[in-house]
Amino acid sequence: MSRAIVLNPSDNVATLLDPGTEGDRCVLQGERSGEITLRQDVPFGHKVCITQTPAGAEILKYGQVIGTARQSLRIGEHAHVHNIDSTRARGDLNKG
């Protein structure tokens, strides 16, 4: 069984503390509790979606916006650069 930490109650992703395999149950710890089922293999330290998240929605980690969903994300789905556009430290997005 994998574990993932939720760093803020408003987060819609959790960070895996153990590598996970598709179909594994994953226990949420930290600011939210519960259990989800992984939809894909997820490496240690990567994010997993913990709430249904529509395309274009903000991705929250630490209670802060870290990106935008490129596509609709389901609970248990690996959340990474293949389906999230980063909005942190993006100088190319600065206006002015």
PDB file of N, CA and C in Angstrom:
ATOM      1  N   MET A   1       0.848  -1.176   0.000  1.00  0.00           N
ATOM      2  CA  MET A   1       0.000   0.000   0.000  1.00  0.00           C
ATOM      3  C   MET A   1       0.894   1.240   0.000  1.00  0.00           C
ATOM      4  N   SER A   2       0.607   2.165  -0.886  1.00  0.00           N
ATOM      5  CA  SER A   2       1.355   3.412  -0.985  1.00  0.00           C
ATOM      6  C   SER A   2       0.809   4.440  -0.007  1.00  0.00           C
ATOM      7  N   ARG A   3       1.626   5.445   0.276  1.00  0.00           N
ATOM      8  CA  ARG A   3       1.204   6.572   1.106  1.00  0.00           C
ATOM      9  C   ARG A   3       1.457   7.865   0.342  1.00  0.00           C
ATOM     10  N   ALA A   4       0.605   8.841   0.576  1.00  0.00           N
ATOM     11  CA  ALA A   4       0.777  10.158  -0.030  1.00  0.00           C
ATOM     12  C   ALA A   4       0.439  11.217   1.008  1.00  0.00           C
ATOM     13  N   ILE A   5       1.163  12.323   0.945  1.00  0.00           N
ATOM     14  CA  ILE A   5       0.940  13.397   1.907  1.00  0.00           C
ATOM     15  C   ILE A   5       0.206  14.557   1.241  1.00  0.00           C
ATOM     16  N   VAL A   6      -0.784  15.063   1.963  1.00  0.00           N
ATOM     17  CA  VAL A   6      -1.529  16.244   1.542  1.00  0.00           C
ATOM     18  C   VAL A   6      -1.035  17.379   2.433  1.00  0.00           C
ATOM     19  N   LEU A   7      -0.524  18.443   1.814  1.00  0.00           N
ATOM     20  CA  LEU A   7       0.149  19.496   2.569  1.00  0.00           C
ATOM     21  C   LEU A   7      -0.755  20.635   3.004  1.00  0.00           C
ATOM     22  N   ASN A   8      -1.951  20.727   2.422  1.00  0.00           N
ATOM     23  CA  ASN A   8      -2.901  21.787   2.768  1.00  0.00           C
ATOM     24  C   ASN A   8      -4.308  21.247   2.500  1.00  0.00           C
ATOM     25  N   PRO A   9      -5.275  21.564   3.340  1.00  0.00           N
ATOM     26  CA  PRO A   9      -6.631  21.032   3.134  1.00  0.00           C
ATOM     27  C   PRO A   9      -7.256  21.406   1.785  1.00  0.00           C
ATOM     28  N   SER A  10      -6.804  22.487   1.157  1.00  0.00           N
ATOM     29  CA  SER A  10      -7.385  22.896  -0.126  1.00  0.00           C
ATOM     30  C   SER A  10      -6.698  22.244  -1.329  1.00  0.00           C
ATOM     31  N   ASP A  11      -5.633  21.479  -1.106  1.00  0.00           N
ATOM     32  CA  ASP A  11      -4.897  20.850  -2.210  1.00  0.00           C
ATOM     33  C   ASP A  11      -5.762  19.859  -2.974  1.00  0.00           C
ATOM     34  N   ASN A  12      -5.549  19.794  -4.296  1.00  0.00           N
ATOM     35  CA  ASN A  12      -6.224  18.773  -5.099  1.00  0.00           C
ATOM     36  C   ASN A  12      -5.254  17.717  -5.612  1.00  0.00           C
ATOM     37  N   VAL A  13      -3.998  17.786  -5.136  1.00  0.00           N
ATOM     38  CA  VAL A  13      -3.009  16.745  -5.401  1.00  0.00           C
ATOM     39  C   VAL A  13      -2.307  16.390  -4.097  1.00  0.00           C
ATOM     40  N   ALA A  14      -1.781  15.174  -4.052  1.00  0.00           N
ATOM     41  CA  ALA A  14      -0.973  14.711  -2.930  1.00  0.00           C
ATOM     42  C   ALA A  14       0.346  14.202  -3.492  1.00  0.00           C
ATOM     43  N   THR A  15       1.383  14.211  -2.670  1.00  0.00           N
ATOM     44  CA  THR A  15       2.710  13.761  -3.084  1.00  0.00           C
ATOM     45  C   THR A  15       2.970  12.367  -2.527  1.00  0.00           C
ATOM     46  N   LEU A  16       3.350  11.448  -3.423  1.00  0.00           N
ATOM     47  CA  LEU A  16       3.599  10.070  -2.994  1.00  0.00           C
ATOM     48  C   LEU A  16       4.861   9.954  -2.140  1.00  0.00           C
ATOM     49  N   LEU A  17       4.737   9.275  -1.012  1.00  0.00           N
ATOM     50  CA  LEU A  17       5.862   8.998  -0.124  1.00  0.00           C
ATOM     51  C   LEU A  17       6.480   7.637  -0.428  1.00  0.00           C
ATOM     52  N   ASP A  18       5.780   6.859  -1.220  1.00  0.00           N
ATOM     53  CA  ASP A  18       6.230   5.538  -1.669  1.00  0.00           C
ATOM     54  C   ASP A  18       5.879   5.426  -3.150  1.00  0.00           C
ATOM     55  N   PRO A  19       6.654   4.699  -3.930  1.00  0.00           N
ATOM     56  CA  PRO A  19       6.225   4.477  -5.319  1.00  0.00           C
ATOM     57  C   PRO A  19       4.934   3.661  -5.319  1.00  0.00           C
ATOM     58  N   GLY A  20       4.094   3.906  -6.327  1.00  0.00           N
ATOM     59  CA  GLY A  20       2.827   3.181  -6.408  1.00  0.00           C
ATOM     60  C   GLY A  20       2.639   2.546  -7.763  1.00  0.00           C
ATOM     61  N   THR A  21       1.881   1.481  -7.786  1.00  0.00           N
ATOM     62  CA  THR A  21       1.589   0.738  -9.009  1.00  0.00           C
ATOM     63  C   THR A  21       0.102   0.844  -9.309  1.00  0.00           C
ATOM     64  N   GLU A  22      -0.239   0.895 -10.582  1.00  0.00           N
ATOM     65  CA  GLU A  22      -1.642   0.950 -10.988  1.00  0.00           C
ATOM     66  C   GLU A  22      -2.454  -0.081 -10.205  1.00  0.00           C
ATOM     67  N   GLY A  23      -3.566   0.375  -9.648  1.00  0.00           N
ATOM     68  CA  GLY A  23      -4.447  -0.501  -8.882  1.00  0.00           C
ATOM     69  C   GLY A  23      -4.147  -0.528  -7.392  1.00  0.00           C
ATOM     70  N   ASP A  24      -2.975  -0.016  -6.982  1.00  0.00           N
ATOM     71  CA  ASP A  24      -2.642   0.038  -5.556  1.00  0.00           C
ATOM     72  C   ASP A  24      -3.589   0.973  -4.823  1.00  0.00           C
ATOM     73  N   ARG A  25      -3.904   0.612  -3.590  1.00  0.00           N
ATOM     74  CA  ARG A  25      -4.576   1.548  -2.699  1.00  0.00           C
ATOM     75  C   ARG A  25      -3.520   2.500  -2.166  1.00  0.00           C
ATOM     76  N   CYS A  26      -3.884   3.730  -2.001  1.00  0.00           N
ATOM     77  CA  CYS A  26      -2.957   4.759  -1.525  1.00  0.00           C
ATOM     78  C   CYS A  26      -3.624   5.499  -0.376  1.00  0.00           C
ATOM     79  N   VAL A  27      -2.981   5.505   0.779  1.00  0.00           N
ATOM     80  CA  VAL A  27      -3.510   6.146   1.970  1.00  0.00           C
ATOM     81  C   VAL A  27      -3.044   7.600   2.005  1.00  0.00           C
ATOM     82  N   LEU A  28      -4.010   8.520   2.170  1.00  0.00           N
ATOM     83  CA  LEU A  28      -3.691   9.940   2.283  1.00  0.00           C
ATOM     84  C   LEU A  28      -3.388  10.276   3.735  1.00  0.00           C
ATOM     85  N   GLN A  29      -2.335  11.067   3.923  1.00  0.00           N
ATOM     86  CA  GLN A  29      -1.927  11.481   5.259  1.00  0.00           C
ATOM     87  C   GLN A  29      -1.703  12.985   5.260  1.00  0.00           C
ATOM     88  N   GLY A  30      -1.625  13.561   6.430  1.00  0.00           N
ATOM     89  CA  GLY A  30      -1.373  14.998   6.538  1.00  0.00           C
ATOM     90  C   GLY A  30      -2.656  15.750   6.767  1.00  0.00           C
ATOM     91  N   GLU A  31      -2.926  16.724   5.904  1.00  0.00           N
ATOM     92  CA  GLU A  31      -4.071  17.610   6.074  1.00  0.00           C
ATOM     93  C   GLU A  31      -5.391  17.013   5.607  1.00  0.00           C
ATOM     94  N   ARG A  32      -5.351  15.843   4.971  1.00  0.00           N
ATOM     95  CA  ARG A  32      -6.568  15.110   4.600  1.00  0.00           C
ATOM     96  C   ARG A  32      -6.290  13.641   4.818  1.00  0.00           C
ATOM     97  N   SER A  33      -7.328  12.927   5.147  1.00  0.00           N
ATOM     98  CA  SER A  33      -7.179  11.486   5.305  1.00  0.00           C
ATOM     99  C   SER A  33      -8.096  10.802   4.311  1.00  0.00           C
ATOM    100  N   GLY A  34      -7.918   9.524   4.182  1.00  0.00           N
ATOM    101  CA  GLY A  34      -8.731   8.754   3.260  1.00  0.00           C
ATOM    102  C   GLY A  34      -7.854   7.838   2.441  1.00  0.00           C
ATOM    103  N   GLU A  35      -8.458   7.302   1.414  1.00  0.00           N
ATOM    104  CA  GLU A  35      -7.763   6.337   0.574  1.00  0.00           C
ATOM    105  C   GLU A  35      -8.246   6.515  -0.865  1.00  0.00           C
ATOM    106  N   ILE A  36      -7.312   6.403  -1.804  1.00  0.00           N
ATOM    107  CA  ILE A  36      -7.639   6.442  -3.223  1.00  0.00           C
ATOM    108  C   ILE A  36      -6.999   5.230  -3.891  1.00  0.00           C
ATOM    109  N   THR A  37      -7.414   4.929  -5.102  1.00  0.00           N
ATOM    110  CA  THR A  37      -6.811   3.856  -5.892  1.00  0.00           C
ATOM    111  C   THR A  37      -6.048   4.490  -7.045  1.00  0.00           C
ATOM    112  N   LEU A  38      -4.783   4.108  -7.211  1.00  0.00           N
ATOM    113  CA  LEU A  38      -3.959   4.671  -8.272  1.00  0.00           C
ATOM    114  C   LEU A  38      -4.405   4.144  -9.632  1.00  0.00           C
ATOM    115  N   ARG A  39      -4.522   5.035 -10.596  1.00  0.00           N
ATOM    116  CA  ARG A  39      -4.946   4.680 -11.952  1.00  0.00           C
ATOM    117  C   ARG A  39      -3.768   4.361 -12.868  1.00  0.00           C
ATOM    118  N   GLN A  40      -2.567   4.767 -12.472  1.00  0.00           N
ATOM    119  CA  GLN A  40      -1.342   4.468 -13.211  1.00  0.00           C
ATOM    120  C   GLN A  40      -0.234   4.215 -12.204  1.00  0.00           C
ATOM    121  N   ASP A  41       0.900   3.726 -12.694  1.00  0.00           N
ATOM    122  CA  ASP A  41       2.095   3.684 -11.864  1.00  0.00           C
ATOM    123  C   ASP A  41       2.499   5.125 -11.579  1.00  0.00           C
ATOM    124  N   VAL A  42       2.874   5.409 -10.332  1.00  0.00           N
ATOM    125  CA  VAL A  42       3.280   6.759  -9.943  1.00  0.00           C
ATOM    126  C   VAL A  42       4.583   6.639  -9.151  1.00  0.00           C
ATOM    127  N   PRO A  43       5.654   7.292  -9.633  1.00  0.00           N
ATOM    128  CA  PRO A  43       6.931   7.210  -8.920  1.00  0.00           C
ATOM    129  C   PRO A  43       6.908   7.957  -7.586  1.00  0.00           C
ATOM    130  N   PHE A  44       7.822   7.578  -6.712  1.00  0.00           N
ATOM    131  CA  PHE A  44       8.041   8.266  -5.440  1.00  0.00           C
ATOM    132  C   PHE A  44       8.249   9.763  -5.700  1.00  0.00           C
ATOM    133  N   GLY A  45       7.615  10.597  -4.902  1.00  0.00           N
ATOM    134  CA  GLY A  45       7.800  12.040  -4.996  1.00  0.00           C
ATOM    135  C   GLY A  45       6.929  12.730  -6.031  1.00  0.00           C
ATOM    136  N   HIS A  46       6.221  11.960  -6.846  1.00  0.00           N
ATOM    137  CA  HIS A  46       5.328  12.559  -7.846  1.00  0.00           C
ATOM    138  C   HIS A  46       3.954  12.798  -7.229  1.00  0.00           C
ATOM    139  N   LYS A  47       3.154  13.567  -7.951  1.00  0.00           N
ATOM    140  CA  LYS A  47       1.826  13.938  -7.465  1.00  0.00           C
ATOM    141  C   LYS A  47       0.757  13.006  -8.023  1.00  0.00           C
ATOM    142  N   VAL A  48      -0.303  12.874  -7.235  1.00  0.00           N
ATOM    143  CA  VAL A  48      -1.478  12.122  -7.651  1.00  0.00           C
ATOM    144  C   VAL A  48      -2.701  12.994  -7.359  1.00  0.00           C
ATOM    145  N   CYS A  49      -3.663  12.972  -8.277  1.00  0.00           N
ATOM    146  CA  CYS A  49      -4.871  13.771  -8.135  1.00  0.00           C
ATOM    147  C   CYS A  49      -5.760  13.155  -7.047  1.00  0.00           C
ATOM    148  N   ILE A  50      -6.276  14.005  -6.152  1.00  0.00           N
ATOM    149  CA  ILE A  50      -7.117  13.489  -5.063  1.00  0.00           C
ATOM    150  C   ILE A  50      -8.547  14.010  -5.137  1.00  0.00           C
ATOM    151  N   THR A  51      -8.839  14.852  -6.119  1.00  0.00           N
ATOM    152  CA  THR A  51     -10.212  15.297  -6.376  1.00  0.00           C
ATOM    153  C   THR A  51     -10.423  15.357  -7.886  1.00  0.00           C
ATOM    154  N   GLN A  52     -11.656  15.137  -8.337  1.00  0.00           N
ATOM    155  CA  GLN A  52     -11.952  15.311  -9.755  1.00  0.00           C
ATOM    156  C   GLN A  52     -11.586  16.745 -10.123  1.00  0.00           C
ATOM    157  N   THR A  53     -10.801  16.913 -11.178  1.00  0.00           N
ATOM    158  CA  THR A  53     -10.306  18.228 -11.554  1.00  0.00           C
ATOM    159  C   THR A  53     -10.539  18.446 -13.046  1.00  0.00           C
ATOM    160  N   PRO A  54     -11.367  19.403 -13.422  1.00  0.00           N
ATOM    161  CA  PRO A  54     -11.647  19.621 -14.842  1.00  0.00           C
ATOM    162  C   PRO A  54     -10.475  20.262 -15.578  1.00  0.00           C
ATOM    163  N   ALA A  55     -10.435  20.089 -16.890  1.00  0.00           N
ATOM    164  CA  ALA A  55      -9.426  20.740 -17.721  1.00  0.00           C
ATOM    165  C   ALA A  55      -9.488  22.247 -17.489  1.00  0.00           C
ATOM    166  N   GLY A  56      -8.327  22.868 -17.384  1.00  0.00           N
ATOM    167  CA  GLY A  56      -8.247  24.309 -17.173  1.00  0.00           C
ATOM    168  C   GLY A  56      -8.279  24.727 -15.715  1.00  0.00           C
ATOM    169  N   ALA A  57      -8.571  23.791 -14.814  1.00  0.00           N
ATOM    170  CA  ALA A  57      -8.640  24.120 -13.385  1.00  0.00           C
ATOM    171  C   ALA A  57      -7.233  24.294 -12.807  1.00  0.00           C
ATOM    172  N   GLU A  58      -7.157  25.069 -11.742  1.00  0.00           N
ATOM    173  CA  GLU A  58      -5.891  25.264 -11.043  1.00  0.00           C
ATOM    174  C   GLU A  58      -5.516  24.008 -10.277  1.00  0.00           C
ATOM    175  N   ILE A  59      -4.222  23.708 -10.271  1.00  0.00           N
ATOM    176  CA  ILE A  59      -3.687  22.608  -9.472  1.00  0.00           C
ATOM    177  C   ILE A  59      -3.101  23.226  -8.210  1.00  0.00           C
ATOM    178  N   LEU A  60      -3.570  22.750  -7.055  1.00  0.00           N
ATOM    179  CA  LEU A  60      -3.158  23.307  -5.771  1.00  0.00           C
ATOM    180  C   LEU A  60      -2.300  22.323  -4.986  1.00  0.00           C
ATOM    181  N   LYS A  61      -1.138  22.801  -4.562  1.00  0.00           N
ATOM    182  CA  LYS A  61      -0.242  22.063  -3.673  1.00  0.00           C
ATOM    183  C   LYS A  61       0.317  23.099  -2.708  1.00  0.00           C
ATOM    184  N   TYR A  62       0.451  22.763  -1.444  1.00  0.00           N
ATOM    185  CA  TYR A  62       0.840  23.713  -0.389  1.00  0.00           C
ATOM    186  C   TYR A  62      -0.219  24.802  -0.211  1.00  0.00           C
ATOM    187  N   GLY A  63      -1.427  24.605  -0.745  1.00  0.00           N
ATOM    188  CA  GLY A  63      -2.445  25.643  -0.719  1.00  0.00           C
ATOM    189  C   GLY A  63      -2.172  26.734  -1.742  1.00  0.00           C
ATOM    190  N   GLN A  64      -1.217  26.502  -2.634  1.00  0.00           N
ATOM    191  CA  GLN A  64      -0.818  27.472  -3.652  1.00  0.00           C
ATOM    192  C   GLN A  64      -1.052  26.901  -5.044  1.00  0.00           C
ATOM    193  N   VAL A  65      -1.323  27.774  -6.001  1.00  0.00           N
ATOM    194  CA  VAL A  65      -1.479  27.335  -7.385  1.00  0.00           C
ATOM    195  C   VAL A  65      -0.093  27.010  -7.935  1.00  0.00           C
ATOM    196  N   ILE A  66       0.084  25.771  -8.411  1.00  0.00           N
ATOM    197  CA  ILE A  66       1.361  25.372  -9.007  1.00  0.00           C
ATOM    198  C   ILE A  66       1.228  25.083 -10.495  1.00  0.00           C
ATOM    199  N   GLY A  67      -0.012  25.035 -10.982  1.00  0.00           N
ATOM    200  CA  GLY A  67      -0.201  24.732 -12.392  1.00  0.00           C
ATOM    201  C   GLY A  67      -1.660  24.748 -12.782  1.00  0.00           C
ATOM    202  N   THR A  68      -1.876  24.343 -14.038  1.00  0.00           N
ATOM    203  CA  THR A  68      -3.215  24.273 -14.616  1.00  0.00           C
ATOM    204  C   THR A  68      -3.375  22.911 -15.288  1.00  0.00           C
ATOM    205  N   ALA A  69      -4.505  22.285 -15.069  1.00  0.00           N
ATOM    206  CA  ALA A  69      -4.764  20.974 -15.683  1.00  0.00           C
ATOM    207  C   ALA A  69      -4.936  21.137 -17.188  1.00  0.00           C
ATOM    208  N   ARG A  70      -4.163  20.401 -17.970  1.00  0.00           N
ATOM    209  CA  ARG A  70      -4.298  20.406 -19.436  1.00  0.00           C
ATOM    210  C   ARG A  70      -5.528  19.642 -19.877  1.00  0.00           C
ATOM    211  N   GLN A  71      -5.931  18.688 -19.064  1.00  0.00           N
ATOM    212  CA  GLN A  71      -7.069  17.825 -19.368  1.00  0.00           C
ATOM    213  C   GLN A  71      -7.781  17.530 -18.066  1.00  0.00           C
ATOM    214  N   SER A  72      -8.949  16.952 -18.143  1.00  0.00           N
ATOM    215  CA  SER A  72      -9.671  16.538 -16.952  1.00  0.00           C
ATOM    216  C   SER A  72      -8.865  15.451 -16.240  1.00  0.00           C
ATOM    217  N   LEU A  73      -8.700  15.602 -14.926  1.00  0.00           N
ATOM    218  CA  LEU A  73      -7.953  14.627 -14.134  1.00  0.00           C
ATOM    219  C   LEU A  73      -8.896  13.904 -13.187  1.00  0.00           C
ATOM    220  N   ARG A  74      -8.759  12.585 -13.137  1.00  0.00           N
ATOM    221  CA  ARG A  74      -9.598  11.769 -12.264  1.00  0.00           C
ATOM    222  C   ARG A  74      -8.853  11.469 -10.964  1.00  0.00           C
ATOM    223  N   ILE A  75      -9.602  11.190  -9.942  1.00  0.00           N
ATOM    224  CA  ILE A  75      -9.007  10.799  -8.663  1.00  0.00           C
ATOM    225  C   ILE A  75      -8.133   9.568  -8.892  1.00  0.00           C
ATOM    226  N   GLY A  76      -6.912   9.622  -8.370  1.00  0.00           N
ATOM    227  CA  GLY A  76      -5.979   8.509  -8.503  1.00  0.00           C
ATOM    228  C   GLY A  76      -5.066   8.599  -9.712  1.00  0.00           C
ATOM    229  N   GLU A  77      -5.252   9.637 -10.524  1.00  0.00           N
ATOM    230  CA  GLU A  77      -4.449   9.791 -11.735  1.00  0.00           C
ATOM    231  C   GLU A  77      -3.114  10.478 -11.428  1.00  0.00           C
ATOM    232  N   HIS A  78      -2.049  10.004 -12.063  1.00  0.00           N
ATOM    233  CA  HIS A  78      -0.727  10.611 -11.961  1.00  0.00           C
ATOM    234  C   HIS A  78      -0.824  12.040 -12.476  1.00  0.00           C
ATOM    235  N   ALA A  79      -0.412  13.009 -11.675  1.00  0.00           N
ATOM    236  CA  ALA A  79      -0.477  14.427 -12.043  1.00  0.00           C
ATOM    237  C   ALA A  79       0.949  14.931 -12.204  1.00  0.00           C
ATOM    238  N   HIS A  80       1.348  15.172 -13.459  1.00  0.00           N
ATOM    239  CA  HIS A  80       2.743  15.547 -13.734  1.00  0.00           C
ATOM    240  C   HIS A  80       2.794  16.379 -15.021  1.00  0.00           C
ATOM    241  N   VAL A  81       3.972  16.555 -15.579  1.00  0.00           N
ATOM    242  CA  VAL A  81       4.157  17.437 -16.738  1.00  0.00           C
ATOM    243  C   VAL A  81       3.387  16.984 -17.977  1.00  0.00           C
ATOM    244  N   HIS A  82       2.970  15.737 -18.043  1.00  0.00           N
ATOM    245  CA  HIS A  82       2.220  15.261 -19.204  1.00  0.00           C
ATOM    246  C   HIS A  82       0.761  15.733 -19.197  1.00  0.00           C
ATOM    247  N   ASN A  83       0.258  16.172 -18.023  1.00  0.00           N
ATOM    248  CA  ASN A  83      -1.136  16.605 -17.976  1.00  0.00           C
ATOM    249  C   ASN A  83      -1.357  17.886 -17.165  1.00  0.00           C
ATOM    250  N   ILE A  84      -0.251  18.519 -16.737  1.00  0.00           N
ATOM    251  CA  ILE A  84      -0.324  19.785 -16.002  1.00  0.00           C
ATOM    252  C   ILE A  84       0.674  20.765 -16.611  1.00  0.00           C
ATOM    253  N   ASP A  85       0.220  21.995 -16.829  1.00  0.00           N
ATOM    254  CA  ASP A  85       1.120  23.071 -17.231  1.00  0.00           C
ATOM    255  C   ASP A  85       1.530  23.821 -15.976  1.00  0.00           C
ATOM    256  N   SER A  86       2.830  23.926 -15.740  1.00  0.00           N
ATOM    257  CA  SER A  86       3.334  24.638 -14.578  1.00  0.00           C
ATOM    258  C   SER A  86       3.065  26.128 -14.706  1.00  0.00           C
ATOM    259  N   THR A  87       2.755  26.761 -13.582  1.00  0.00           N
ATOM    260  CA  THR A  87       2.604  28.210 -13.569  1.00  0.00           C
ATOM    261  C   THR A  87       3.568  28.837 -12.568  1.00  0.00           C
ATOM    262  N   ARG A  88       4.447  28.040 -11.991  1.00  0.00           N
ATOM    263  CA  ARG A  88       5.425  28.552 -11.027  1.00  0.00           C
ATOM    264  C   ARG A  88       6.732  28.861 -11.739  1.00  0.00           C
ATOM    265  N   ALA A  89       7.303  30.005 -11.395  1.00  0.00           N
ATOM    266  CA  ALA A  89       8.596  30.433 -11.931  1.00  0.00           C
ATOM    267  C   ALA A  89       8.595  30.458 -13.456  1.00  0.00           C
ATOM    268  N   ARG A  90       7.493  30.861 -14.029  1.00  0.00           N
ATOM    269  CA  ARG A  90       7.366  30.930 -15.491  1.00  0.00           C
ATOM    270  C   ARG A  90       7.562  32.376 -15.927  1.00  0.00           C
ATOM    271  N   GLY A  91       8.793  32.784 -16.120  1.00  0.00           N
ATOM    272  CA  GLY A  91       9.090  34.123 -16.584  1.00  0.00           C
ATOM    273  C   GLY A  91       8.448  34.438 -17.916  1.00  0.00           C
ATOM    274  N   ASP A  92       8.238  33.389 -18.737  1.00  0.00           N
ATOM    275  CA  ASP A  92       7.628  33.614 -20.047  1.00  0.00           C
ATOM    276  C   ASP A  92       6.159  34.030 -19.935  1.00  0.00           C
ATOM    277  N   LEU A  93       5.566  33.853 -18.760  1.00  0.00           N
ATOM    278  CA  LEU A  93       4.180  34.249 -18.579  1.00  0.00           C
ATOM    279  C   LEU A  93       4.043  35.631 -17.956  1.00  0.00           C
ATOM    280  N   ASN A  94       5.174  36.211 -17.505  1.00  0.00           N
ATOM    281  CA  ASN A  94       5.123  37.535 -16.883  1.00  0.00           C
ATOM    282  C   ASN A  94       4.742  38.593 -17.902  1.00  0.00           C
ATOM    283  N   LYS A  95       3.888  39.498 -17.481  1.00  0.00           N
ATOM    284  CA  LYS A  95       3.488  40.608 -18.363  1.00  0.00           C
ATOM    285  C   LYS A  95       4.348  41.821 -18.020  1.00  0.00           C
ATOM    286  N   GLY A  96       4.596  42.647 -19.008  1.00  0.00           N
ATOM    287  CA  GLY A  96       5.341  43.870 -18.726  1.00  0.00           C
ATOM    288  C   GLY A  96       6.558  43.928 -19.473  1.00  0.00           C
TER     289      GLY A  96
END
